[in-house]
Amino acid sequence: MAFILGEKIKMSQTFKNEMQIPVTLIKAGPVIVTQIKNKEKDNYQAVQLGFGEKKKINKPLQGHLKDLGKFRWLREFRVKENETDKFKVGDKIDVSIFKEGDIVDVSGLNKGKGFQGVVKRHGFHGGPQTHGQKNRLRAPGSIGSTAFQRVVKGRRMAGRMGSERITVKNLEIVTVDPENNIIEIKGAVPGRKGTLLEIKSKR
């Protein structure tokens, strides 16, 4: 399994065999292995990676990272038992672990859209615009029930929209640029510019 952390740069397009392909440019790595977690001590197998520069970190984090650096993000990737031996603390991972044509899953927070109504948030059609309706087109309608006098848990209503963790699966890597630590992935990935992305290959 190959994995890395990256930062979304922008969407663009590239041309391959006279075909236009929409791509997302991601600045991926280099990342540093900051911790190896195992079943004996932590009850699960994982590799923790550090990515991005930060000027100041708190003292507990300084003790955890020691001389590895000051990282903006720390993220873990679950691995199988026999895969932890491939890593050791201090290892550097860059985009060269991927190659063109690899299929990857990309995870990140999607764009936050603030407080939204039911039409935008859940796709409600709204009420009729005639027959005495006034200023009620985008209203949610009745939310009650005659069976029990309370709002049912899970009822679709207005509220905060976005800023949720999304995973887009089976995306293809179009190009890999190890010199500039940039990879181009076919299609769209979650988030705005600058969003932290977790990229994990199928192999």
Protein backbone atom coordinates (compact mmCIF):
# COMPACT_ATOMS: atom_id res chain seq x y z
CA MET A 1 0.00 0.00 0.00
CA ALA A 2 1.31 3.46 -0.94
CA PHE A 3 0.05 6.62 0.78
CA ILE A 4 0.97 10.28 1.13
CA LEU A 5 -0.43 13.63 2.29
CA GLY A 6 -0.94 16.51 -0.12
CA GLU A 7 -2.32 20.01 -0.49
CA LYS A 8 -4.80 20.89 -3.23
CA ILE A 9 -3.42 23.49 -5.63
CA LYS A 10 -6.06 23.94 -8.33
CA MET A 11 -7.99 22.23 -11.13
CA SER A 12 -6.64 22.33 -14.65
CA GLN A 13 -6.57 20.29 -17.84
CA THR A 14 -4.03 18.23 -19.74
CA PHE A 15 -3.97 16.58 -23.12
CA LYS A 16 -3.24 12.93 -23.78
CA ASN A 17 -3.62 11.17 -27.15
CA GLU A 18 -5.36 14.28 -28.47
CA MET A 19 -7.94 14.06 -25.67
CA GLN A 20 -8.58 16.76 -23.08
CA ILE A 21 -8.51 15.40 -19.52
CA PRO A 22 -9.67 17.40 -16.46
CA VAL A 23 -7.11 17.08 -13.67
CA THR A 24 -6.48 18.31 -10.13
CA LEU A 25 -2.97 19.46 -9.25
CA ILE A 26 -1.83 18.38 -5.78
CA LYS A 27 1.39 19.29 -3.98
CA ALA A 28 2.08 15.94 -2.33
CA GLY A 29 4.85 15.51 0.21
CA PRO A 30 7.54 15.06 1.04
CA VAL A 31 6.20 13.68 4.31
CA ILE A 32 8.08 12.34 7.32
CA VAL A 33 7.19 9.20 9.28
CA THR A 34 6.68 10.50 12.83
CA GLN A 35 5.37 7.38 14.60
CA ILE A 36 4.79 3.67 14.05
CA LYS A 37 1.80 2.24 15.93
CA ASN A 38 1.52 -1.48 16.67
CA LYS A 39 -0.96 -3.90 18.20
CA GLU A 40 1.08 -4.61 21.32
CA LYS A 41 1.15 -0.99 22.48
CA ASP A 42 -1.69 0.76 20.61
CA ASN A 43 -4.07 -2.12 19.72
CA TYR A 44 -3.89 -1.30 16.01
CA GLN A 45 -1.36 -1.01 13.18
CA ALA A 46 -0.77 2.43 11.67
CA VAL A 47 1.87 4.79 10.32
CA GLN A 48 1.72 8.46 11.35
CA LEU A 49 2.94 11.06 8.84
CA GLY A 50 3.85 14.72 9.27
CA PHE A 51 3.34 17.24 6.46
CA GLY A 52 3.59 21.00 5.99
CA GLU A 53 5.70 23.57 7.79
CA LYS A 54 4.69 25.38 10.95
CA LYS A 55 6.60 28.05 12.86
CA LYS A 56 5.48 27.14 16.38
CA ILE A 57 4.14 23.97 17.98
CA ASN A 58 3.20 23.31 21.61
CA LYS A 59 5.53 21.53 24.03
CA PRO A 60 3.76 18.14 24.08
CA LEU A 61 4.04 18.04 20.30
CA GLN A 62 7.69 19.11 20.49
CA GLY A 63 8.37 16.13 22.73
CA HIS A 64 6.47 13.80 20.42
CA LEU A 65 8.24 14.98 17.27
CA LYS A 66 11.68 15.50 18.88
CA ASP A 67 14.08 16.48 16.08
CA LEU A 68 11.86 15.45 13.17
CA GLY A 69 10.59 18.98 12.49
CA LYS A 70 7.55 21.21 13.03
CA PHE A 71 4.57 19.97 11.04
CA ARG A 72 1.28 21.65 10.26
CA TRP A 73 -0.57 18.34 9.89
CA LEU A 74 -0.24 14.87 11.43
CA ARG A 75 -2.31 12.03 9.96
CA GLU A 76 -2.39 8.25 10.32
CA PHE A 77 -2.79 5.52 7.73
CA ARG A 78 -3.84 2.03 8.81
CA VAL A 79 -1.56 -0.73 7.52
CA LYS A 80 -1.46 -4.51 7.71
CA GLU A 81 0.72 -6.28 10.28
CA ASN A 82 3.44 -7.26 7.85
CA GLU A 83 3.69 -3.71 6.39
CA THR A 84 4.92 -1.83 9.48
CA ASP A 85 8.39 -3.34 9.03
CA LYS A 86 8.78 -1.33 5.82
CA PHE A 87 8.76 1.97 7.74
CA LYS A 88 10.82 3.51 10.51
CA VAL A 89 10.57 6.87 12.28
CA GLY A 90 12.31 9.59 10.29
CA ASP A 91 11.74 8.04 6.85
CA LYS A 92 10.91 10.48 4.06
CA ILE A 93 8.15 9.62 1.56
CA ASP A 94 7.68 11.56 -1.68
CA VAL A 95 5.56 11.33 -4.83
CA SER A 96 7.97 8.87 -6.45
CA ILE A 97 6.10 6.04 -4.65
CA PHE A 98 3.32 6.58 -7.23
CA LYS A 99 3.45 6.12 -10.98
CA GLU A 100 1.24 7.09 -13.90
CA GLY A 101 -1.87 4.97 -14.15
CA ASP A 102 -2.09 4.14 -10.43
CA ILE A 103 -5.62 4.05 -9.00
CA VAL A 104 -6.00 5.96 -5.73
CA ASP A 105 -8.58 7.02 -3.15
CA VAL A 106 -8.50 10.70 -2.12
CA SER A 107 -9.99 11.90 1.19
CA GLY A 108 -10.46 15.42 2.53
CA LEU A 109 -12.92 17.98 3.89
CA ASN A 110 -15.29 19.36 1.28
CA LYS A 111 -16.11 23.05 0.98
CA GLY A 112 -18.06 24.61 3.86
CA LYS A 113 -21.26 26.31 2.71
CA GLY A 114 -22.50 27.76 5.98
CA PHE A 115 -26.11 27.60 7.23
CA GLN A 116 -28.36 26.50 4.35
CA GLY A 117 -32.05 25.76 3.87
CA VAL A 118 -33.64 22.46 2.93
CA VAL A 119 -33.77 23.20 -0.82
CA LYS A 120 -30.01 23.58 -1.15
CA ARG A 121 -29.02 21.20 1.65
CA HIS A 122 -31.32 18.27 0.89
CA GLY A 123 -32.72 19.00 -2.57
CA PHE A 124 -36.31 19.73 -1.50
CA HIS A 125 -38.50 20.96 -4.37
CA GLY A 126 -40.27 23.60 -2.30
CA GLY A 127 -43.97 24.45 -2.26
CA PRO A 128 -46.25 25.78 -5.02
CA GLN A 129 -45.94 29.42 -6.03
CA THR A 130 -49.70 29.95 -6.33
CA HIS A 131 -52.95 29.20 -4.45
CA GLY A 132 -52.33 31.55 -1.55
CA GLN A 133 -48.68 30.69 -1.01
CA LYS A 134 -46.66 33.76 -0.11
CA ASN A 135 -42.94 33.74 0.78
CA ARG A 136 -43.15 29.97 1.40
CA LEU A 137 -41.55 28.56 -1.75
CA ARG A 138 -38.40 27.29 -0.05
CA ALA A 139 -39.97 26.34 3.30
CA PRO A 140 -39.51 22.77 4.60
CA GLY A 141 -43.21 22.16 5.23
CA SER A 142 -44.60 20.19 8.18
CA ILE A 143 -41.99 18.61 10.48
CA GLY A 144 -44.35 17.19 13.10
CA SER A 145 -46.13 13.90 13.59
CA THR A 146 -49.50 12.95 15.01
CA ALA A 147 -48.09 9.76 16.56
CA PHE A 148 -45.73 11.41 19.02
CA GLN A 149 -45.40 15.10 19.73
CA ARG A 150 -41.75 15.67 18.98
CA VAL A 151 -39.43 16.12 16.01
CA VAL A 152 -38.18 12.75 14.83
CA LYS A 153 -34.43 12.25 15.11
CA GLY A 154 -32.78 12.52 11.71
CA ARG A 155 -35.45 14.76 10.21
CA ARG A 156 -34.01 16.65 7.24
CA MET A 157 -34.03 20.33 8.13
CA ALA A 158 -32.00 23.49 7.61
CA GLY A 159 -28.54 23.59 9.14
CA ARG A 160 -24.79 23.72 8.61
CA MET A 161 -23.76 22.33 5.23
CA GLY A 162 -20.36 21.13 4.05
CA SER A 163 -17.03 20.77 5.91
CA GLU A 164 -17.56 17.00 5.93
CA ARG A 165 -14.98 14.31 5.27
CA ILE A 166 -15.44 12.98 1.75
CA THR A 167 -13.61 10.13 0.01
CA VAL A 168 -13.53 9.95 -3.79
CA LYS A 169 -12.53 6.46 -4.91
CA ASN A 170 -10.84 4.99 -7.98
CA LEU A 171 -9.19 8.13 -9.36
CA GLU A 172 -6.36 7.74 -11.85
CA ILE A 173 -2.96 9.41 -11.54
CA VAL A 174 -2.23 11.13 -14.85
CA THR A 175 1.29 12.48 -14.25
CA VAL A 176 3.88 12.44 -11.45
CA ASP A 177 6.47 15.23 -11.08
CA PRO A 178 9.03 14.20 -8.39
CA GLU A 179 11.15 17.35 -8.90
CA ASN A 180 8.32 19.70 -7.90
CA ASN A 181 6.43 17.19 -5.67
CA ILE A 182 3.29 17.56 -7.77
CA ILE A 183 0.89 14.90 -9.01
CA GLU A 184 -2.02 15.31 -11.39
CA ILE A 185 -5.12 13.25 -10.61
CA LYS A 186 -7.90 12.79 -13.14
CA GLY A 187 -11.17 14.43 -12.08
CA ALA A 188 -12.18 16.43 -9.03
CA VAL A 189 -11.19 15.88 -5.41
CA PRO A 190 -12.80 17.25 -2.20
CA GLY A 191 -12.17 20.70 -0.79
CA ARG A 192 -11.02 24.18 -1.76
CA LYS A 193 -7.50 25.33 -2.63
CA GLY A 194 -5.15 24.55 0.25
CA THR A 195 -7.22 21.64 1.59
CA LEU A 196 -5.26 18.78 3.14
CA LEU A 197 -5.77 15.56 1.18
CA GLU A 198 -5.00 11.96 2.07
CA ILE A 199 -3.99 9.94 -1.00
CA LYS A 200 -3.92 6.16 -0.78
CA SER A 201 -3.28 3.67 -3.57
CA LYS A 202 -5.04 0.35 -4.09
CA ARG A 203 -1.83 -1.64 -4.57
